Amino acid sequence: MINSLSKVLEQKKSKAKYPEARVIVLDDSFNTFQHVANCLLTIIPGMSEKKAWDLTIKVDKTGSAEVWRGNLEQAELYHEQLISKGLTIAPIEKT
């Protein structure tokens, strides 16, 4: 019983050490749909072509879209990679 309790406590500690974050792409007037979709497809792991296009359309229609959520360290990496491709990105939102 104590062993399983310590495992639960360890999991809670690890979650506290590694907060989650959101990566959000913002609409702009200079990036093309094709460029945004291609960037999402090549940078965000597990991104399908359909999802990349759906998110690109959402950015255009609503002004922004969350393109990735997870570990803060990974979020920072994807955030920087998307910025380096010229996309307009919101500051990382910790969740």
PDB file of N, CA and C in Angstrom:
ATOM      1  N   MET A   1       0.829  -1.202   0.000  1.00  0.00           N
ATOM      2  CA  MET A   1       0.000   0.000   0.000  1.00  0.00           C
ATOM      3  C   MET A   1       0.863   1.252   0.000  1.00  0.00           C
ATOM      4  N   ILE A   2       1.896   1.288   0.810  1.00  0.00           N
ATOM      5  CA  ILE A   2       2.778   2.459   0.867  1.00  0.00           C
ATOM      6  C   ILE A   2       3.485   2.650  -0.467  1.00  0.00           C
ATOM      7  N   ASN A   3       3.878   1.549  -1.087  1.00  0.00           N
ATOM      8  CA  ASN A   3       4.551   1.617  -2.375  1.00  0.00           C
ATOM      9  C   ASN A   3       3.690   2.307  -3.431  1.00  0.00           C
ATOM     10  N   SER A   4       2.409   1.930  -3.516  1.00  0.00           N
ATOM     11  CA  SER A   4       1.536   2.541  -4.516  1.00  0.00           C
ATOM     12  C   SER A   4       1.272   4.010  -4.187  1.00  0.00           C
ATOM     13  N   LEU A   5       1.218   4.364  -2.916  1.00  0.00           N
ATOM     14  CA  LEU A   5       1.026   5.751  -2.522  1.00  0.00           C
ATOM     15  C   LEU A   5       2.236   6.587  -2.919  1.00  0.00           C
ATOM     16  N   SER A   6       3.422   6.051  -2.733  1.00  0.00           N
ATOM     17  CA  SER A   6       4.613   6.808  -3.111  1.00  0.00           C
ATOM     18  C   SER A   6       4.686   6.995  -4.626  1.00  0.00           C
ATOM     19  N   LYS A   7       4.195   6.019  -5.394  1.00  0.00           N
ATOM     20  CA  LYS A   7       4.160   6.167  -6.855  1.00  0.00           C
ATOM     21  C   LYS A   7       3.228   7.298  -7.256  1.00  0.00           C
ATOM     22  N   VAL A   8       2.079   7.381  -6.614  1.00  0.00           N
ATOM     23  CA  VAL A   8       1.120   8.452  -6.898  1.00  0.00           C
ATOM     24  C   VAL A   8       1.741   9.808  -6.572  1.00  0.00           C
ATOM     25  N   LEU A   9       2.405   9.896  -5.436  1.00  0.00           N
ATOM     26  CA  LEU A   9       3.051  11.147  -5.045  1.00  0.00           C
ATOM     27  C   LEU A   9       4.163  11.520  -6.018  1.00  0.00           C
ATOM     28  N   GLU A  10       4.937  10.541  -6.485  1.00  0.00           N
ATOM     29  CA  GLU A  10       5.992  10.807  -7.463  1.00  0.00           C
ATOM     30  C   GLU A  10       5.406  11.329  -8.764  1.00  0.00           C
ATOM     31  N   GLN A  11       4.288  10.761  -9.216  1.00  0.00           N
ATOM     32  CA  GLN A  11       3.643  11.223 -10.436  1.00  0.00           C
ATOM     33  C   GLN A  11       3.173  12.668 -10.287  1.00  0.00           C
ATOM     34  N   LYS A  12       2.622  12.995  -9.132  1.00  0.00           N
ATOM     35  CA  LYS A  12       2.170  14.368  -8.904  1.00  0.00           C
ATOM     36  C   LYS A  12       3.349  15.334  -8.925  1.00  0.00           C
ATOM     37  N   LYS A  13       4.471  14.938  -8.336  1.00  0.00           N
ATOM     38  CA  LYS A  13       5.663  15.781  -8.346  1.00  0.00           C
ATOM     39  C   LYS A  13       6.161  15.996  -9.765  1.00  0.00           C
ATOM     40  N   SER A  14       6.191  14.934 -10.577  1.00  0.00           N
ATOM     41  CA  SER A  14       6.704  15.064 -11.933  1.00  0.00           C
ATOM     42  C   SER A  14       5.811  15.965 -12.771  1.00  0.00           C
ATOM     43  N   LYS A  15       4.502  15.921 -12.547  1.00  0.00           N
ATOM     44  CA  LYS A  15       3.607  16.819 -13.272  1.00  0.00           C
ATOM     45  C   LYS A  15       3.849  18.265 -12.847  1.00  0.00           C
ATOM     46  N   ALA A  16       4.112  18.480 -11.597  1.00  0.00           N
ATOM     47  CA  ALA A  16       4.365  19.828 -11.107  1.00  0.00           C
ATOM     48  C   ALA A  16       5.677  20.369 -11.687  1.00  0.00           C
ATOM     49  N   LYS A  17       6.667  19.496 -11.862  1.00  0.00           N
ATOM     50  CA  LYS A  17       7.953  19.924 -12.410  1.00  0.00           C
ATOM     51  C   LYS A  17       7.855  20.279 -13.886  1.00  0.00           C
ATOM     52  N   TYR A  18       6.980  19.614 -14.602  1.00  0.00           N
ATOM     53  CA  TYR A  18       6.879  19.786 -16.040  1.00  0.00           C
ATOM     54  C   TYR A  18       5.484  20.281 -16.422  1.00  0.00           C
ATOM     55  N   PRO A  19       5.270  21.582 -16.307  1.00  0.00           N
ATOM     56  CA  PRO A  19       3.939  22.108 -16.619  1.00  0.00           C
ATOM     57  C   PRO A  19       3.626  21.944 -18.105  1.00  0.00           C
ATOM     58  N   GLU A  20       2.351  21.933 -18.401  1.00  0.00           N
ATOM     59  CA  GLU A  20       1.920  21.846 -19.787  1.00  0.00           C
ATOM     60  C   GLU A  20       1.768  23.250 -20.351  1.00  0.00           C
ATOM     61  N   ALA A  21       1.800  23.316 -21.677  1.00  0.00           N
ATOM     62  CA  ALA A  21       1.680  24.601 -22.349  1.00  0.00           C
ATOM     63  C   ALA A  21       0.956  24.414 -23.673  1.00  0.00           C
ATOM     64  N   ARG A  22       0.474  25.530 -24.207  1.00  0.00           N
ATOM     65  CA  ARG A  22      -0.225  25.546 -25.494  1.00  0.00           C
ATOM     66  C   ARG A  22       0.568  26.362 -26.497  1.00  0.00           C
ATOM     67  N   VAL A  23       0.597  25.889 -27.740  1.00  0.00           N
ATOM     68  CA  VAL A  23       1.203  26.643 -28.840  1.00  0.00           C
ATOM     69  C   VAL A  23       0.051  27.112 -29.726  1.00  0.00           C
ATOM     70  N   ILE A  24      -0.022  28.421 -29.928  1.00  0.00           N
ATOM     71  CA  ILE A  24      -1.149  29.012 -30.651  1.00  0.00           C
ATOM     72  C   ILE A  24      -0.630  29.829 -31.829  1.00  0.00           C
ATOM     73  N   VAL A  25      -1.136  29.510 -33.026  1.00  0.00           N
ATOM     74  CA  VAL A  25      -0.800  30.261 -34.232  1.00  0.00           C
ATOM     75  C   VAL A  25      -1.829  31.367 -34.389  1.00  0.00           C
ATOM     76  N   LEU A  26      -1.344  32.560 -34.735  1.00  0.00           N
ATOM     77  CA  LEU A  26      -2.216  33.718 -34.934  1.00  0.00           C
ATOM     78  C   LEU A  26      -2.330  34.047 -36.425  1.00  0.00           C
ATOM     79  N   ASP A  27      -3.450  34.621 -36.794  1.00  0.00           N
ATOM     80  CA  ASP A  27      -3.667  35.049 -38.174  1.00  0.00           C
ATOM     81  C   ASP A  27      -2.786  36.256 -38.477  1.00  0.00           C
ATOM     82  N   ASP A  28      -2.306  36.324 -39.696  1.00  0.00           N
ATOM     83  CA  ASP A  28      -1.567  37.505 -40.154  1.00  0.00           C
ATOM     84  C   ASP A  28      -1.906  37.727 -41.619  1.00  0.00           C
ATOM     85  N   SER A  29      -1.398  38.794 -42.176  1.00  0.00           N
ATOM     86  CA  SER A  29      -1.756  39.133 -43.555  1.00  0.00           C
ATOM     87  C   SER A  29      -0.686  38.745 -44.569  1.00  0.00           C
ATOM     88  N   PHE A  30       0.358  38.027 -44.133  1.00  0.00           N
ATOM     89  CA  PHE A  30       1.445  37.749 -45.071  1.00  0.00           C
ATOM     90  C   PHE A  30       1.760  36.273 -45.282  1.00  0.00           C
ATOM     91  N   ASN A  31       1.388  35.393 -44.374  1.00  0.00           N
ATOM     92  CA  ASN A  31       1.632  33.961 -44.581  1.00  0.00           C
ATOM     93  C   ASN A  31       0.487  33.342 -45.376  1.00  0.00           C
ATOM     94  N   THR A  32       0.829  32.531 -46.370  1.00  0.00           N
ATOM     95  CA  THR A  32      -0.193  31.879 -47.178  1.00  0.00           C
ATOM     96  C   THR A  32      -0.748  30.657 -46.442  1.00  0.00           C
ATOM     97  N   PHE A  33      -1.924  30.228 -46.848  1.00  0.00           N
ATOM     98  CA  PHE A  33      -2.510  29.009 -46.285  1.00  0.00           C
ATOM     99  C   PHE A  33      -1.538  27.850 -46.458  1.00  0.00           C
ATOM    100  N   GLN A  34      -0.982  27.724 -47.664  1.00  0.00           N
ATOM    101  CA  GLN A  34      -0.087  26.611 -47.966  1.00  0.00           C
ATOM    102  C   GLN A  34       1.116  26.610 -47.027  1.00  0.00           C
ATOM    103  N   HIS A  35       1.702  27.799 -46.793  1.00  0.00           N
ATOM    104  CA  HIS A  35       2.880  27.888 -45.924  1.00  0.00           C
ATOM    105  C   HIS A  35       2.534  27.485 -44.494  1.00  0.00           C
ATOM    106  N   VAL A  36       1.427  27.995 -43.968  1.00  0.00           N
ATOM    107  CA  VAL A  36       1.029  27.666 -42.593  1.00  0.00           C
ATOM    108  C   VAL A  36       0.774  26.166 -42.465  1.00  0.00           C
ATOM    109  N   ALA A  37       0.005  25.607 -43.386  1.00  0.00           N
ATOM    110  CA  ALA A  37      -0.304  24.171 -43.337  1.00  0.00           C
ATOM    111  C   ALA A  37       0.971  23.337 -43.442  1.00  0.00           C
ATOM    112  N   ASN A  38       1.880  23.716 -44.341  1.00  0.00           N
ATOM    113  CA  ASN A  38       3.144  22.971 -44.483  1.00  0.00           C
ATOM    114  C   ASN A  38       3.983  23.033 -43.215  1.00  0.00           C
ATOM    115  N   CYS A  39       4.045  24.196 -42.586  1.00  0.00           N
ATOM    116  CA  CYS A  39       4.810  24.339 -41.341  1.00  0.00           C
ATOM    117  C   CYS A  39       4.230  23.440 -40.250  1.00  0.00           C
ATOM    118  N   LEU A  40       2.914  23.447 -40.110  1.00  0.00           N
ATOM    119  CA  LEU A  40       2.277  22.605 -39.090  1.00  0.00           C
ATOM    120  C   LEU A  40       2.556  21.133 -39.371  1.00  0.00           C
ATOM    121  N   LEU A  41       2.471  20.766 -40.626  1.00  0.00           N
ATOM    122  CA  LEU A  41       2.666  19.373 -41.024  1.00  0.00           C
ATOM    123  C   LEU A  41       4.090  18.902 -40.756  1.00  0.00           C
ATOM    124  N   THR A  42       5.065  19.761 -40.978  1.00  0.00           N
ATOM    125  CA  THR A  42       6.466  19.348 -40.819  1.00  0.00           C
ATOM    126  C   THR A  42       6.997  19.518 -39.399  1.00  0.00           C
ATOM    127  N   ILE A  43       6.418  20.420 -38.612  1.00  0.00           N
ATOM    128  CA  ILE A  43       6.970  20.713 -37.282  1.00  0.00           C
ATOM    129  C   ILE A  43       6.221  20.014 -36.152  1.00  0.00           C
ATOM    130  N   ILE A  44       4.909  19.961 -36.231  1.00  0.00           N
ATOM    131  CA  ILE A  44       4.117  19.401 -35.132  1.00  0.00           C
ATOM    132  C   ILE A  44       4.008  17.880 -35.313  1.00  0.00           C
ATOM    133  N   PRO A  45       4.509  17.102 -34.347  1.00  0.00           N
ATOM    134  CA  PRO A  45       4.461  15.640 -34.466  1.00  0.00           C
ATOM    135  C   PRO A  45       3.029  15.110 -34.546  1.00  0.00           C
ATOM    136  N   GLY A  46       2.838  14.119 -35.390  1.00  0.00           N
ATOM    137  CA  GLY A  46       1.538  13.485 -35.502  1.00  0.00           C
ATOM    138  C   GLY A  46       0.493  14.298 -36.254  1.00  0.00           C
ATOM    139  N   MET A  47       0.912  15.406 -36.849  1.00  0.00           N
ATOM    140  CA  MET A  47      -0.026  16.262 -37.572  1.00  0.00           C
ATOM    141  C   MET A  47      -0.361  15.620 -38.919  1.00  0.00           C
ATOM    142  N   SER A  48      -1.647  15.466 -39.185  1.00  0.00           N
ATOM    143  CA  SER A  48      -2.071  14.952 -40.490  1.00  0.00           C
ATOM    144  C   SER A  48      -2.272  16.136 -41.436  1.00  0.00           C
ATOM    145  N   GLU A  49      -2.284  15.845 -42.705  1.00  0.00           N
ATOM    146  CA  GLU A  49      -2.500  16.912 -43.689  1.00  0.00           C
ATOM    147  C   GLU A  49      -3.874  17.550 -43.493  1.00  0.00           C
ATOM    148  N   LYS A  50      -4.883  16.715 -43.233  1.00  0.00           N
ATOM    149  CA  LYS A  50      -6.233  17.253 -43.016  1.00  0.00           C
ATOM    150  C   LYS A  50      -6.287  18.154 -41.785  1.00  0.00           C
ATOM    151  N   LYS A  51      -5.685  17.706 -40.699  1.00  0.00           N
ATOM    152  CA  LYS A  51      -5.705  18.510 -39.474  1.00  0.00           C
ATOM    153  C   LYS A  51      -4.938  19.826 -39.676  1.00  0.00           C
ATOM    154  N   ALA A  52      -3.813  19.767 -40.383  1.00  0.00           N
ATOM    155  CA  ALA A  52      -3.036  20.989 -40.662  1.00  0.00           C
ATOM    156  C   ALA A  52      -3.889  21.997 -41.430  1.00  0.00           C
ATOM    157  N   TRP A  53      -4.625  21.518 -42.432  1.00  0.00           N
ATOM    158  CA  TRP A  53      -5.491  22.419 -43.198  1.00  0.00           C
ATOM    159  C   TRP A  53      -6.665  22.912 -42.353  1.00  0.00           C
ATOM    160  N   ASP A  54      -7.256  22.036 -41.550  1.00  0.00           N
ATOM    161  CA  ASP A  54      -8.361  22.455 -40.676  1.00  0.00           C
ATOM    162  C   ASP A  54      -7.912  23.547 -39.712  1.00  0.00           C
ATOM    163  N   LEU A  55      -6.720  23.384 -39.129  1.00  0.00           N
ATOM    164  CA  LEU A  55      -6.196  24.396 -38.197  1.00  0.00           C
ATOM    165  C   LEU A  55      -5.870  25.696 -38.931  1.00  0.00           C
ATOM    166  N   THR A  56      -5.330  25.591 -40.129  1.00  0.00           N
ATOM    167  CA  THR A  56      -5.011  26.780 -40.928  1.00  0.00           C
ATOM    168  C   THR A  56      -6.276  27.565 -41.237  1.00  0.00           C
ATOM    169  N   ILE A  57      -7.333  26.865 -41.594  1.00  0.00           N
ATOM    170  CA  ILE A  57      -8.620  27.522 -41.880  1.00  0.00           C
ATOM    171  C   ILE A  57      -9.175  28.164 -40.607  1.00  0.00           C
ATOM    172  N   LYS A  58      -9.030  27.471 -39.470  1.00  0.00           N
ATOM    173  CA  LYS A  58      -9.490  28.031 -38.191  1.00  0.00           C
ATOM    174  C   LYS A  58      -8.737  29.320 -37.861  1.00  0.00           C
ATOM    175  N   VAL A  59      -7.424  29.333 -38.096  1.00  0.00           N
ATOM    176  CA  VAL A  59      -6.634  30.546 -37.861  1.00  0.00           C
ATOM    177  C   VAL A  59      -7.196  31.690 -38.696  1.00  0.00           C
ATOM    178  N   ASP A  60      -7.485  31.419 -39.961  1.00  0.00           N
ATOM    179  CA  ASP A  60      -8.006  32.453 -40.860  1.00  0.00           C
ATOM    180  C   ASP A  60      -9.386  32.941 -40.422  1.00  0.00           C
ATOM    181  N   LYS A  61     -10.252  32.020 -40.030  1.00  0.00           N
ATOM    182  CA  LYS A  61     -11.641  32.382 -39.696  1.00  0.00           C
ATOM    183  C   LYS A  61     -11.782  33.024 -38.319  1.00  0.00           C
ATOM    184  N   THR A  62     -11.006  32.526 -37.328  1.00  0.00           N
ATOM    185  CA  THR A  62     -11.213  32.989 -35.947  1.00  0.00           C
ATOM    186  C   THR A  62     -10.068  33.853 -35.415  1.00  0.00           C
ATOM    187  N   GLY A  63      -8.957  33.895 -36.141  1.00  0.00           N
ATOM    188  CA  GLY A  63      -7.830  34.710 -35.696  1.00  0.00           C
ATOM    189  C   GLY A  63      -6.741  33.946 -34.973  1.00  0.00           C
ATOM    190  N   SER A  64      -7.046  32.698 -34.543  1.00  0.00           N
ATOM    191  CA  SER A  64      -6.024  31.899 -33.858  1.00  0.00           C
ATOM    192  C   SER A  64      -6.479  30.446 -33.772  1.00  0.00           C
ATOM    193  N   ALA A  65      -5.501  29.575 -33.524  1.00  0.00           N
ATOM    194  CA  ALA A  65      -5.817  28.161 -33.292  1.00  0.00           C
ATOM    195  C   ALA A  65      -4.705  27.533 -32.464  1.00  0.00           C
ATOM    196  N   GLU A  66      -5.111  26.719 -31.503  1.00  0.00           N
ATOM    197  CA  GLU A  66      -4.145  25.938 -30.735  1.00  0.00           C
ATOM    198  C   GLU A  66      -3.688  24.789 -31.631  1.00  0.00           C
ATOM    199  N   VAL A  67      -2.378  24.737 -31.876  1.00  0.00           N
ATOM    200  CA  VAL A  67      -1.853  23.713 -32.777  1.00  0.00           C
ATOM    201  C   VAL A  67      -1.141  22.590 -32.034  1.00  0.00           C
ATOM    202  N   TRP A  68      -0.826  22.826 -30.768  1.00  0.00           N
ATOM    203  CA  TRP A  68      -0.180  21.781 -29.963  1.00  0.00           C
ATOM    204  C   TRP A  68      -0.356  22.097 -28.491  1.00  0.00           C
ATOM    205  N   ARG A  69      -0.503  21.038 -27.682  1.00  0.00           N
ATOM    206  CA  ARG A  69      -0.604  21.173 -26.223  1.00  0.00           C
ATOM    207  C   ARG A  69       0.166  20.016 -25.616  1.00  0.00           C
ATOM    208  N   GLY A  70       0.986  20.328 -24.613  1.00  0.00           N
ATOM    209  CA  GLY A  70       1.735  19.282 -23.933  1.00  0.00           C
ATOM    210  C   GLY A  70       2.857  19.859 -23.100  1.00  0.00           C
ATOM    211  N   ASN A  71       3.885  19.056 -22.898  1.00  0.00           N
ATOM    212  CA  ASN A  71       5.045  19.407 -22.093  1.00  0.00           C
ATOM    213  C   ASN A  71       5.615  20.775 -22.488  1.00  0.00           C
ATOM    214  N   LEU A  72       5.903  21.615 -21.501  1.00  0.00           N
ATOM    215  CA  LEU A  72       6.399  22.972 -21.737  1.00  0.00           C
ATOM    216  C   LEU A  72       7.677  22.983 -22.575  1.00  0.00           C
ATOM    217  N   GLU A  73       8.588  22.079 -22.279  1.00  0.00           N
ATOM    218  CA  GLU A  73       9.854  22.057 -23.006  1.00  0.00           C
ATOM    219  C   GLU A  73       9.624  21.797 -24.498  1.00  0.00           C
ATOM    220  N   GLN A  74       8.752  20.857 -24.826  1.00  0.00           N
ATOM    221  CA  GLN A  74       8.429  20.582 -26.227  1.00  0.00           C
ATOM    222  C   GLN A  74       7.694  21.765 -26.833  1.00  0.00           C
ATOM    223  N   ALA A  75       6.794  22.372 -26.074  1.00  0.00           N
ATOM    224  CA  ALA A  75       6.045  23.527 -26.564  1.00  0.00           C
ATOM    225  C   ALA A  75       7.009  24.642 -26.955  1.00  0.00           C
ATOM    226  N   GLU A  76       8.032  24.849 -26.148  1.00  0.00           N
ATOM    227  CA  GLU A  76       9.019  25.891 -26.454  1.00  0.00           C
ATOM    228  C   GLU A  76       9.746  25.581 -27.758  1.00  0.00           C
ATOM    229  N   LEU A  77      10.075  24.309 -27.980  1.00  0.00           N
ATOM    230  CA  LEU A  77      10.746  23.902 -29.208  1.00  0.00           C
ATOM    231  C   LEU A  77       9.861  24.166 -30.428  1.00  0.00           C
ATOM    232  N   TYR A  78       8.613  23.710 -30.397  1.00  0.00           N
ATOM    233  CA  TYR A  78       7.711  23.902 -31.532  1.00  0.00           C
ATOM    234  C   TYR A  78       7.425  25.387 -31.757  1.00  0.00           C
ATOM    235  N   HIS A  79       7.290  26.123 -30.659  1.00  0.00           N
ATOM    236  CA  HIS A  79       7.059  27.568 -30.718  1.00  0.00           C
ATOM    237  C   HIS A  79       8.199  28.244 -31.486  1.00  0.00           C
ATOM    238  N   GLU A  80       9.428  27.940 -31.100  1.00  0.00           N
ATOM    239  CA  GLU A  80      10.605  28.531 -31.769  1.00  0.00           C
ATOM    240  C   GLU A  80      10.704  28.107 -33.229  1.00  0.00           C
ATOM    241  N   GLN A  81      10.423  26.832 -33.520  1.00  0.00           N
ATOM    242  CA  GLN A  81      10.502  26.348 -34.900  1.00  0.00           C
ATOM    243  C   GLN A  81       9.462  27.024 -35.783  1.00  0.00           C
ATOM    244  N   LEU A  82       8.258  27.211 -35.276  1.00  0.00           N
ATOM    245  CA  LEU A  82       7.216  27.878 -36.057  1.00  0.00           C
ATOM    246  C   LEU A  82       7.565  29.347 -36.286  1.00  0.00           C
ATOM    247  N   ILE A  83       8.104  29.998 -35.269  1.00  0.00           N
ATOM    248  CA  ILE A  83       8.541  31.390 -35.422  1.00  0.00           C
ATOM    249  C   ILE A  83       9.646  31.482 -36.471  1.00  0.00           C
ATOM    250  N   SER A  84      10.575  30.531 -36.446  1.00  0.00           N
ATOM    251  CA  SER A  84      11.696  30.565 -37.404  1.00  0.00           C
ATOM    252  C   SER A  84      11.219  30.405 -38.852  1.00  0.00           C
ATOM    253  N   LYS A  85      10.033  29.840 -39.031  1.00  0.00           N
ATOM    254  CA  LYS A  85       9.449  29.691 -40.375  1.00  0.00           C
ATOM    255  C   LYS A  85       8.612  30.907 -40.773  1.00  0.00           C
ATOM    256  N   GLY A  86       8.548  31.901 -39.866  1.00  0.00           N
ATOM    257  CA  GLY A  86       7.859  33.144 -40.182  1.00  0.00           C
ATOM    258  C   GLY A  86       6.406  33.208 -39.746  1.00  0.00           C
ATOM    259  N   LEU A  87       5.924  32.182 -39.043  1.00  0.00           N
ATOM    260  CA  LEU A  87       4.532  32.218 -38.584  1.00  0.00           C
ATOM    261  C   LEU A  87       4.388  33.194 -37.417  1.00  0.00           C
ATOM    262  N   THR A  88       3.204  33.744 -37.289  1.00  0.00           N
ATOM    263  CA  THR A  88       2.891  34.635 -36.173  1.00  0.00           C
ATOM    264  C   THR A  88       2.323  33.766 -35.057  1.00  0.00           C
ATOM    265  N   ILE A  89       3.002  33.776 -33.925  1.00  0.00           N
ATOM    266  CA  ILE A  89       2.683  32.869 -32.823  1.00  0.00           C
ATOM    267  C   ILE A  89       2.424  33.676 -31.553  1.00  0.00           C
ATOM    268  N   ALA A  90       1.404  33.272 -30.815  1.00  0.00           N
ATOM    269  CA  ALA A  90       1.121  33.895 -29.510  1.00  0.00           C
ATOM    270  C   ALA A  90       2.196  33.456 -28.521  1.00  0.00           C
ATOM    271  N   PRO A  91       2.422  34.243 -27.476  1.00  0.00           N
ATOM    272  CA  PRO A  91       3.331  33.766 -26.418  1.00  0.00           C
ATOM    273  C   PRO A  91       2.827  32.422 -25.886  1.00  0.00           C
ATOM    274  N   ILE A  92       3.740  31.585 -25.456  1.00  0.00           N
ATOM    275  CA  ILE A  92       3.356  30.269 -24.931  1.00  0.00           C
ATOM    276  C   ILE A  92       2.432  30.455 -23.740  1.00  0.00           C
ATOM    277  N   GLU A  93       1.329  29.704 -23.752  1.00  0.00           N
ATOM    278  CA  GLU A  93       0.377  29.739 -22.634  1.00  0.00           C
ATOM    279  C   GLU A  93       0.575  28.490 -21.794  1.00  0.00           C
ATOM    280  N   LYS A  94       0.955  28.684 -20.542  1.00  0.00           N
ATOM    281  CA  LYS A  94       1.070  27.543 -19.626  1.00  0.00           C
ATOM    282  C   LYS A  94      -0.331  27.168 -19.154  1.00  0.00           C
ATOM    283  N   THR A  95      -0.566  25.855 -19.056  1.00  0.00           N
ATOM    284  CA  THR A  95      -1.892  25.400 -18.632  1.00  0.00           C
ATOM    285  C   THR A  95      -1.809  24.744 -17.273  1.00  0.00           C
TER     286      THR A  95
END
